[in-house]
Amino acid sequence: METEANRRATQRELRIATKELRTAEEAEDALDTKGVGLLAEARAAGIPFGSALPADVPEGTAPTSDLVASCIRC
C-alpha cells in the first residue's frame, strides 16, 4: 500500500513539474518573439544593433536567448 501511495505521489509531482516546464518554455518563446519584434522596431527607427563586437559588450549584458543573439548578429 505504501509503495502504491509513493508511486501516485511521484506521478503527481512529475505531472506538476512537466506542466511548470511547459509553461516556462512557452513564456521563453513569447519573450523571444517580443524581443525579435522590438529589435525589428529599433532597426526600423534607425537604432543600430549588432555593430558591437562581443568584446565590446559589458559582461552580464549578453542576450540570454540564442534566438535573440542570432538576430542581433543579423
PDB file of N, CA and C in Angstrom:
ATOM      1  N   MET A   1       0.816  -1.202   0.000  1.00  0.00           N
ATOM      2  CA  MET A   1       0.000   0.000   0.000  1.00  0.00           C
ATOM      3  C   MET A   1       0.859   1.265   0.000  1.00  0.00           C
ATOM      4  N   GLU A   2       1.883   1.263   0.839  1.00  0.00           N
ATOM      5  CA  GLU A   2       2.731   2.448   0.925  1.00  0.00           C
ATOM      6  C   GLU A   2       3.475   2.695  -0.387  1.00  0.00           C
ATOM      7  N   THR A   3       3.902   1.625  -1.035  1.00  0.00           N
ATOM      8  CA  THR A   3       4.600   1.750  -2.319  1.00  0.00           C
ATOM      9  C   THR A   3       3.679   2.364  -3.369  1.00  0.00           C
ATOM     10  N   GLU A   4       2.433   1.935  -3.385  1.00  0.00           N
ATOM     11  CA  GLU A   4       1.456   2.481  -4.338  1.00  0.00           C
ATOM     12  C   GLU A   4       1.208   3.963  -4.073  1.00  0.00           C
ATOM     13  N   ALA A   5       1.117   4.335  -2.826  1.00  0.00           N
ATOM     14  CA  ALA A   5       0.918   5.748  -2.479  1.00  0.00           C
ATOM     15  C   ALA A   5       2.121   6.582  -2.899  1.00  0.00           C
ATOM     16  N   ASN A   6       3.311   6.052  -2.711  1.00  0.00           N
ATOM     17  CA  ASN A   6       4.529   6.756  -3.136  1.00  0.00           C
ATOM     18  C   ASN A   6       4.566   6.920  -4.653  1.00  0.00           C
ATOM     19  N   ARG A   7       4.160   5.854  -5.355  1.00  0.00           N
ATOM     20  CA  ARG A   7       4.143   5.917  -6.825  1.00  0.00           C
ATOM     21  C   ARG A   7       3.170   7.000  -7.298  1.00  0.00           C
ATOM     22  N   ARG A   8       1.976   7.040  -6.711  1.00  0.00           N
ATOM     23  CA  ARG A   8       0.985   8.056  -7.098  1.00  0.00           C
ATOM     24  C   ARG A   8       1.489   9.462  -6.788  1.00  0.00           C
ATOM     25  N   ALA A   9       2.120   9.632  -5.645  1.00  0.00           N
ATOM     26  CA  ALA A   9       2.651  10.945  -5.272  1.00  0.00           C
ATOM     27  C   ALA A   9       3.755  11.375  -6.238  1.00  0.00           C
ATOM     28  N   THR A  10       4.602  10.440  -6.603  1.00  0.00           N
ATOM     29  CA  THR A  10       5.680  10.744  -7.539  1.00  0.00           C
ATOM     30  C   THR A  10       5.126  11.092  -8.920  1.00  0.00           C
ATOM     31  N   GLN A  11       4.118  10.371  -9.368  1.00  0.00           N
ATOM     32  CA  GLN A  11       3.495  10.677 -10.661  1.00  0.00           C
ATOM     33  C   GLN A  11       2.851  12.064 -10.635  1.00  0.00           C
ATOM     34  N   ARG A  12       2.217  12.390  -9.527  1.00  0.00           N
ATOM     35  CA  ARG A  12       1.599  13.710  -9.395  1.00  0.00           C
ATOM     36  C   ARG A  12       2.665  14.803  -9.462  1.00  0.00           C
ATOM     37  N   GLU A  13       3.770  14.620  -8.758  1.00  0.00           N
ATOM     38  CA  GLU A  13       4.857  15.590  -8.789  1.00  0.00           C
ATOM     39  C   GLU A  13       5.430  15.728 -10.198  1.00  0.00           C
ATOM     40  N   LEU A  14       5.535  14.614 -10.907  1.00  0.00           N
ATOM     41  CA  LEU A  14       6.038  14.642 -12.276  1.00  0.00           C
ATOM     42  C   LEU A  14       5.097  15.417 -13.186  1.00  0.00           C
ATOM     43  N   ARG A  15       3.788  15.221 -13.042  1.00  0.00           N
ATOM     44  CA  ARG A  15       2.816  15.967 -13.853  1.00  0.00           C
ATOM     45  C   ARG A  15       2.918  17.463 -13.576  1.00  0.00           C
ATOM     46  N   ILE A  16       3.056  17.816 -12.303  1.00  0.00           N
ATOM     47  CA  ILE A  16       3.172  19.229 -11.941  1.00  0.00           C
ATOM     48  C   ILE A  16       4.446  19.819 -12.521  1.00  0.00           C
ATOM     49  N   ALA A  17       5.566  19.124 -12.386  1.00  0.00           N
ATOM     50  CA  ALA A  17       6.847  19.615 -12.911  1.00  0.00           C
ATOM     51  C   ALA A  17       6.806  19.738 -14.427  1.00  0.00           C
ATOM     52  N   THR A  18       6.162  18.786 -15.085  1.00  0.00           N
ATOM     53  CA  THR A  18       6.045  18.827 -16.546  1.00  0.00           C
ATOM     54  C   THR A  18       5.233  20.041 -16.984  1.00  0.00           C
ATOM     55  N   LYS A  19       4.147  20.314 -16.270  1.00  0.00           N
ATOM     56  CA  LYS A  19       3.317  21.484 -16.592  1.00  0.00           C
ATOM     57  C   LYS A  19       4.097  22.777 -16.368  1.00  0.00           C
ATOM     58  N   GLU A  20       4.852  22.851 -15.266  1.00  0.00           N
ATOM     59  CA  GLU A  20       5.650  24.049 -14.989  1.00  0.00           C
ATOM     60  C   GLU A  20       6.713  24.256 -16.060  1.00  0.00           C
ATOM     61  N   LEU A  21       7.344  23.165 -16.501  1.00  0.00           N
ATOM     62  CA  LEU A  21       8.349  23.257 -17.557  1.00  0.00           C
ATOM     63  C   LEU A  21       7.725  23.752 -18.848  1.00  0.00           C
ATOM     64  N   ARG A  22       6.570  23.211 -19.214  1.00  0.00           N
ATOM     65  CA  ARG A  22       5.885  23.632 -20.431  1.00  0.00           C
ATOM     66  C   ARG A  22       5.530  25.120 -20.365  1.00  0.00           C
ATOM     67  N   THR A  23       5.049  25.564 -19.208  1.00  0.00           N
ATOM     68  CA  THR A  23       4.696  26.972 -19.022  1.00  0.00           C
ATOM     69  C   THR A  23       5.931  27.857 -19.165  1.00  0.00           C
ATOM     70  N   ALA A  24       7.041  27.443 -18.585  1.00  0.00           N
ATOM     71  CA  ALA A  24       8.286  28.213 -18.680  1.00  0.00           C
ATOM     72  C   ALA A  24       8.784  28.273 -20.117  1.00  0.00           C
ATOM     73  N   GLU A  25       8.706  27.164 -20.842  1.00  0.00           N
ATOM     74  CA  GLU A  25       9.143  27.154 -22.243  1.00  0.00           C
ATOM     75  C   GLU A  25       8.268  28.070 -23.095  1.00  0.00           C
ATOM     76  N   GLU A  26       6.954  28.065 -22.836  1.00  0.00           N
ATOM     77  CA  GLU A  26       6.056  28.941 -23.591  1.00  0.00           C
ATOM     78  C   GLU A  26       6.341  30.406 -23.275  1.00  0.00           C
ATOM     79  N   ALA A  27       6.638  30.704 -22.021  1.00  0.00           N
ATOM     80  CA  ALA A  27       6.968  32.085 -21.635  1.00  0.00           C
ATOM     81  C   ALA A  27       8.264  32.529 -22.303  1.00  0.00           C
ATOM     82  N   GLU A  28       9.248  31.642 -22.360  1.00  0.00           N
ATOM     83  CA  GLU A  28      10.516  31.975 -23.022  1.00  0.00           C
ATOM     84  C   GLU A  28      10.290  32.232 -24.509  1.00  0.00           C
ATOM     85  N   ASP A  29       9.486  31.402 -25.141  1.00  0.00           N
ATOM     86  CA  ASP A  29       9.185  31.602 -26.563  1.00  0.00           C
ATOM     87  C   ASP A  29       8.493  32.946 -26.791  1.00  0.00           C
ATOM     88  N   ALA A  30       7.568  33.290 -25.908  1.00  0.00           N
ATOM     89  CA  ALA A  30       6.863  34.573 -26.038  1.00  0.00           C
ATOM     90  C   ALA A  30       7.829  35.739 -25.877  1.00  0.00           C
ATOM     91  N   LEU A  31       8.743  35.634 -24.930  1.00  0.00           N
ATOM     92  CA  LEU A  31       9.726  36.704 -24.732  1.00  0.00           C
ATOM     93  C   LEU A  31      10.678  36.810 -25.921  1.00  0.00           C
ATOM     94  N   ASP A  32      11.066  35.657 -26.483  1.00  0.00           N
ATOM     95  CA  ASP A  32      11.916  35.675 -27.677  1.00  0.00           C
ATOM     96  C   ASP A  32      11.210  36.393 -28.815  1.00  0.00           C
ATOM     97  N   THR A  33       9.935  36.069 -29.011  1.00  0.00           N
ATOM     98  CA  THR A  33       9.160  36.695 -30.079  1.00  0.00           C
ATOM     99  C   THR A  33       9.060  38.200 -29.855  1.00  0.00           C
ATOM    100  N   LYS A  34       8.800  38.587 -28.625  1.00  0.00           N
ATOM    101  CA  LYS A  34       8.703  40.011 -28.306  1.00  0.00           C
ATOM    102  C   LYS A  34      10.054  40.693 -28.526  1.00  0.00           C
ATOM    103  N   GLY A  35      11.129  40.046 -28.113  1.00  0.00           N
ATOM    104  CA  GLY A  35      12.461  40.615 -28.291  1.00  0.00           C
ATOM    105  C   GLY A  35      12.808  40.815 -29.753  1.00  0.00           C
ATOM    106  N   VAL A  36      12.487  39.835 -30.569  1.00  0.00           N
ATOM    107  CA  VAL A  36      12.760  39.953 -32.006  1.00  0.00           C
ATOM    108  C   VAL A  36      11.942  41.098 -32.600  1.00  0.00           C
ATOM    109  N   GLY A  37      10.693  41.229 -32.163  1.00  0.00           N
ATOM    110  CA  GLY A  37       9.852  42.328 -32.638  1.00  0.00           C
ATOM    111  C   GLY A  37      10.411  43.683 -32.234  1.00  0.00           C
ATOM    112  N   LEU A  38      10.888  43.787 -31.001  1.00  0.00           N
ATOM    113  CA  LEU A  38      11.476  45.047 -30.544  1.00  0.00           C
ATOM    114  C   LEU A  38      12.751  45.381 -31.309  1.00  0.00           C
ATOM    115  N   LEU A  39      13.552  44.361 -31.602  1.00  0.00           N
ATOM    116  CA  LEU A  39      14.757  44.601 -32.404  1.00  0.00           C
ATOM    117  C   LEU A  39      14.390  45.103 -33.797  1.00  0.00           C
ATOM    118  N   ALA A  40      13.364  44.515 -34.386  1.00  0.00           N
ATOM    119  CA  ALA A  40      12.933  44.949 -35.716  1.00  0.00           C
ATOM    120  C   ALA A  40      12.433  46.389 -35.675  1.00  0.00           C
ATOM    121  N   GLU A  41      11.686  46.737 -34.625  1.00  0.00           N
ATOM    122  CA  GLU A  41      11.206  48.112 -34.497  1.00  0.00           C
ATOM    123  C   GLU A  41      12.365  49.085 -34.302  1.00  0.00           C
ATOM    124  N   ALA A  42      13.345  48.684 -33.524  1.00  0.00           N
ATOM    125  CA  ALA A  42      14.502  49.546 -33.295  1.00  0.00           C
ATOM    126  C   ALA A  42      15.267  49.772 -34.596  1.00  0.00           C
ATOM    127  N   ARG A  43      15.456  48.722 -35.359  1.00  0.00           N
ATOM    128  CA  ARG A  43      16.146  48.867 -36.650  1.00  0.00           C
ATOM    129  C   ARG A  43      15.360  49.790 -37.576  1.00  0.00           C
ATOM    130  N   ALA A  44      14.032  49.617 -37.578  1.00  0.00           N
ATOM    131  CA  ALA A  44      13.186  50.454 -38.436  1.00  0.00           C
ATOM    132  C   ALA A  44      13.273  51.917 -38.012  1.00  0.00           C
ATOM    133  N   ALA A  45      13.507  52.155 -36.724  1.00  0.00           N
ATOM    134  CA  ALA A  45      13.635  53.527 -36.218  1.00  0.00           C
ATOM    135  C   ALA A  45      15.051  54.053 -36.384  1.00  0.00           C
ATOM    136  N   GLY A  46      15.948  53.224 -36.920  1.00  0.00           N
ATOM    137  CA  GLY A  46      17.308  53.671 -37.170  1.00  0.00           C
ATOM    138  C   GLY A  46      18.277  53.426 -36.034  1.00  0.00           C
ATOM    139  N   ILE A  47      17.881  52.630 -35.063  1.00  0.00           N
ATOM    140  CA  ILE A  47      18.780  52.309 -33.955  1.00  0.00           C
ATOM    141  C   ILE A  47      19.586  51.078 -34.366  1.00  0.00           C
ATOM    142  N   PRO A  48      20.899  51.214 -34.485  1.00  0.00           N
ATOM    143  CA  PRO A  48      21.710  50.081 -34.958  1.00  0.00           C
ATOM    144  C   PRO A  48      21.912  49.024 -33.873  1.00  0.00           C
ATOM    145  N   PHE A  49      21.897  47.788 -34.285  1.00  0.00           N
ATOM    146  CA  PHE A  49      22.194  46.672 -33.407  1.00  0.00           C
ATOM    147  C   PHE A  49      23.159  45.761 -34.120  1.00  0.00           C
ATOM    148  N   GLY A  50      23.961  45.071 -33.347  1.00  0.00           N
ATOM    149  CA  GLY A  50      24.869  44.095 -33.930  1.00  0.00           C
ATOM    150  C   GLY A  50      26.174  44.675 -34.400  1.00  0.00           C
ATOM    151  N   SER A  51      26.398  45.967 -34.183  1.00  0.00           N
ATOM    152  CA  SER A  51      27.641  46.557 -34.638  1.00  0.00           C
ATOM    153  C   SER A  51      28.759  46.387 -33.620  1.00  0.00           C
ATOM    154  N   ALA A  52      28.409  46.106 -32.362  1.00  0.00           N
ATOM    155  CA  ALA A  52      29.415  45.927 -31.324  1.00  0.00           C
ATOM    156  C   ALA A  52      29.966  44.512 -31.376  1.00  0.00           C
ATOM    157  N   LEU A  53      31.258  44.415 -31.181  1.00  0.00           N
ATOM    158  CA  LEU A  53      31.890  43.107 -31.107  1.00  0.00           C
ATOM    159  C   LEU A  53      31.627  42.532 -29.718  1.00  0.00           C
ATOM    160  N   PRO A  54      31.616  41.209 -29.589  1.00  0.00           N
ATOM    161  CA  PRO A  54      31.356  40.621 -28.272  1.00  0.00           C
ATOM    162  C   PRO A  54      32.286  41.155 -27.184  1.00  0.00           C
ATOM    163  N   ALA A  55      33.532  41.481 -27.533  1.00  0.00           N
ATOM    164  CA  ALA A  55      34.484  42.000 -26.541  1.00  0.00           C
ATOM    165  C   ALA A  55      34.079  43.397 -26.074  1.00  0.00           C
ATOM    166  N   ASP A  56      33.285  44.124 -26.880  1.00  0.00           N
ATOM    167  CA  ASP A  56      32.875  45.479 -26.520  1.00  0.00           C
ATOM    168  C   ASP A  56      31.639  45.509 -25.632  1.00  0.00           C
ATOM    169  N   VAL A  57      30.967  44.369 -25.495  1.00  0.00           N
ATOM    170  CA  VAL A  57      29.732  44.304 -24.717  1.00  0.00           C
ATOM    171  C   VAL A  57      30.096  44.010 -23.271  1.00  0.00           C
ATOM    172  N   PRO A  58      29.615  44.823 -22.325  1.00  0.00           N
ATOM    173  CA  PRO A  58      29.938  44.564 -20.917  1.00  0.00           C
ATOM    174  C   PRO A  58      29.466  43.187 -20.480  1.00  0.00           C
ATOM    175  N   GLU A  59      30.252  42.560 -19.612  1.00  0.00           N
ATOM    176  CA  GLU A  59      29.903  41.226 -19.130  1.00  0.00           C
ATOM    177  C   GLU A  59      28.569  41.271 -18.390  1.00  0.00           C
ATOM    178  N   GLY A  60      27.751  40.260 -18.620  1.00  0.00           N
ATOM    179  CA  GLY A  60      26.463  40.193 -17.952  1.00  0.00           C
ATOM    180  C   GLY A  60      25.342  40.852 -18.729  1.00  0.00           C
ATOM    181  N   THR A  61      25.637  41.461 -19.877  1.00  0.00           N
ATOM    182  CA  THR A  61      24.597  42.109 -20.661  1.00  0.00           C
ATOM    183  C   THR A  61      24.314  41.359 -21.956  1.00  0.00           C
ATOM    184  N   ALA A  62      24.921  40.217 -22.120  1.00  0.00           N
ATOM    185  CA  ALA A  62      24.709  39.434 -23.336  1.00  0.00           C
ATOM    186  C   ALA A  62      23.281  38.900 -23.344  1.00  0.00           C
ATOM    187  N   PRO A  63      22.718  38.705 -24.536  1.00  0.00           N
ATOM    188  CA  PRO A  63      21.357  38.162 -24.627  1.00  0.00           C
ATOM    189  C   PRO A  63      21.289  36.789 -23.968  1.00  0.00           C
ATOM    190  N   THR A  64      20.204  36.536 -23.284  1.00  0.00           N
ATOM    191  CA  THR A  64      20.048  35.242 -22.625  1.00  0.00           C
ATOM    192  C   THR A  64      19.448  34.207 -23.562  1.00  0.00           C
ATOM    193  N   SER A  65      19.032  34.614 -24.720  1.00  0.00           N
ATOM    194  CA  SER A  65      18.404  33.701 -25.655  1.00  0.00           C
ATOM    195  C   SER A  65      19.266  33.563 -26.907  1.00  0.00           C
ATOM    196  N   ASP A  66      19.447  32.338 -27.358  1.00  0.00           N
ATOM    197  CA  ASP A  66      20.190  32.118 -28.594  1.00  0.00           C
ATOM    198  C   ASP A  66      19.482  32.756 -29.777  1.00  0.00           C
ATOM    199  N   LEU A  67      18.139  32.748 -29.761  1.00  0.00           N
ATOM    200  CA  LEU A  67      17.368  33.345 -30.857  1.00  0.00           C
ATOM    201  C   LEU A  67      17.636  34.834 -30.935  1.00  0.00           C
ATOM    202  N   VAL A  68      17.568  35.518 -29.786  1.00  0.00           N
ATOM    203  CA  VAL A  68      17.818  36.955 -29.768  1.00  0.00           C
ATOM    204  C   VAL A  68      19.263  37.239 -30.162  1.00  0.00           C
ATOM    205  N   ALA A  69      20.193  36.439 -29.664  1.00  0.00           N
ATOM    206  CA  ALA A  69      21.593  36.626 -30.004  1.00  0.00           C
ATOM    207  C   ALA A  69      21.810  36.485 -31.513  1.00  0.00           C
ATOM    208  N   SER A  70      21.125  35.545 -32.136  1.00  0.00           N
ATOM    209  CA  SER A  70      21.289  35.353 -33.573  1.00  0.00           C
ATOM    210  C   SER A  70      20.702  36.531 -34.351  1.00  0.00           C
ATOM    211  N   CYS A  71      19.635  37.140 -33.823  1.00  0.00           N
ATOM    212  CA  CYS A  71      19.022  38.289 -34.501  1.00  0.00           C
ATOM    213  C   CYS A  71      19.887  39.532 -34.349  1.00  0.00           C
ATOM    214  N   ILE A  72      20.588  39.650 -33.239  1.00  0.00           N
ATOM    215  CA  ILE A  72      21.458  40.804 -33.050  1.00  0.00           C
ATOM    216  C   ILE A  72      22.581  40.768 -34.079  1.00  0.00           C
ATOM    217  N   ARG A  73      23.025  39.586 -34.437  1.00  0.00           N
ATOM    218  CA  ARG A  73      24.112  39.456 -35.419  1.00  0.00           C
ATOM    219  C   ARG A  73      23.627  39.650 -36.850  1.00  0.00           C
ATOM    220  N   CYS A  74      22.313  39.746 -37.049  1.00  0.00           N
ATOM    221  CA  CYS A  74      21.748  39.877 -38.398  1.00  0.00           C
ATOM    222  C   CYS A  74      22.204  41.158 -39.060  1.00  0.00           C
TER     223      CYS A  74
END
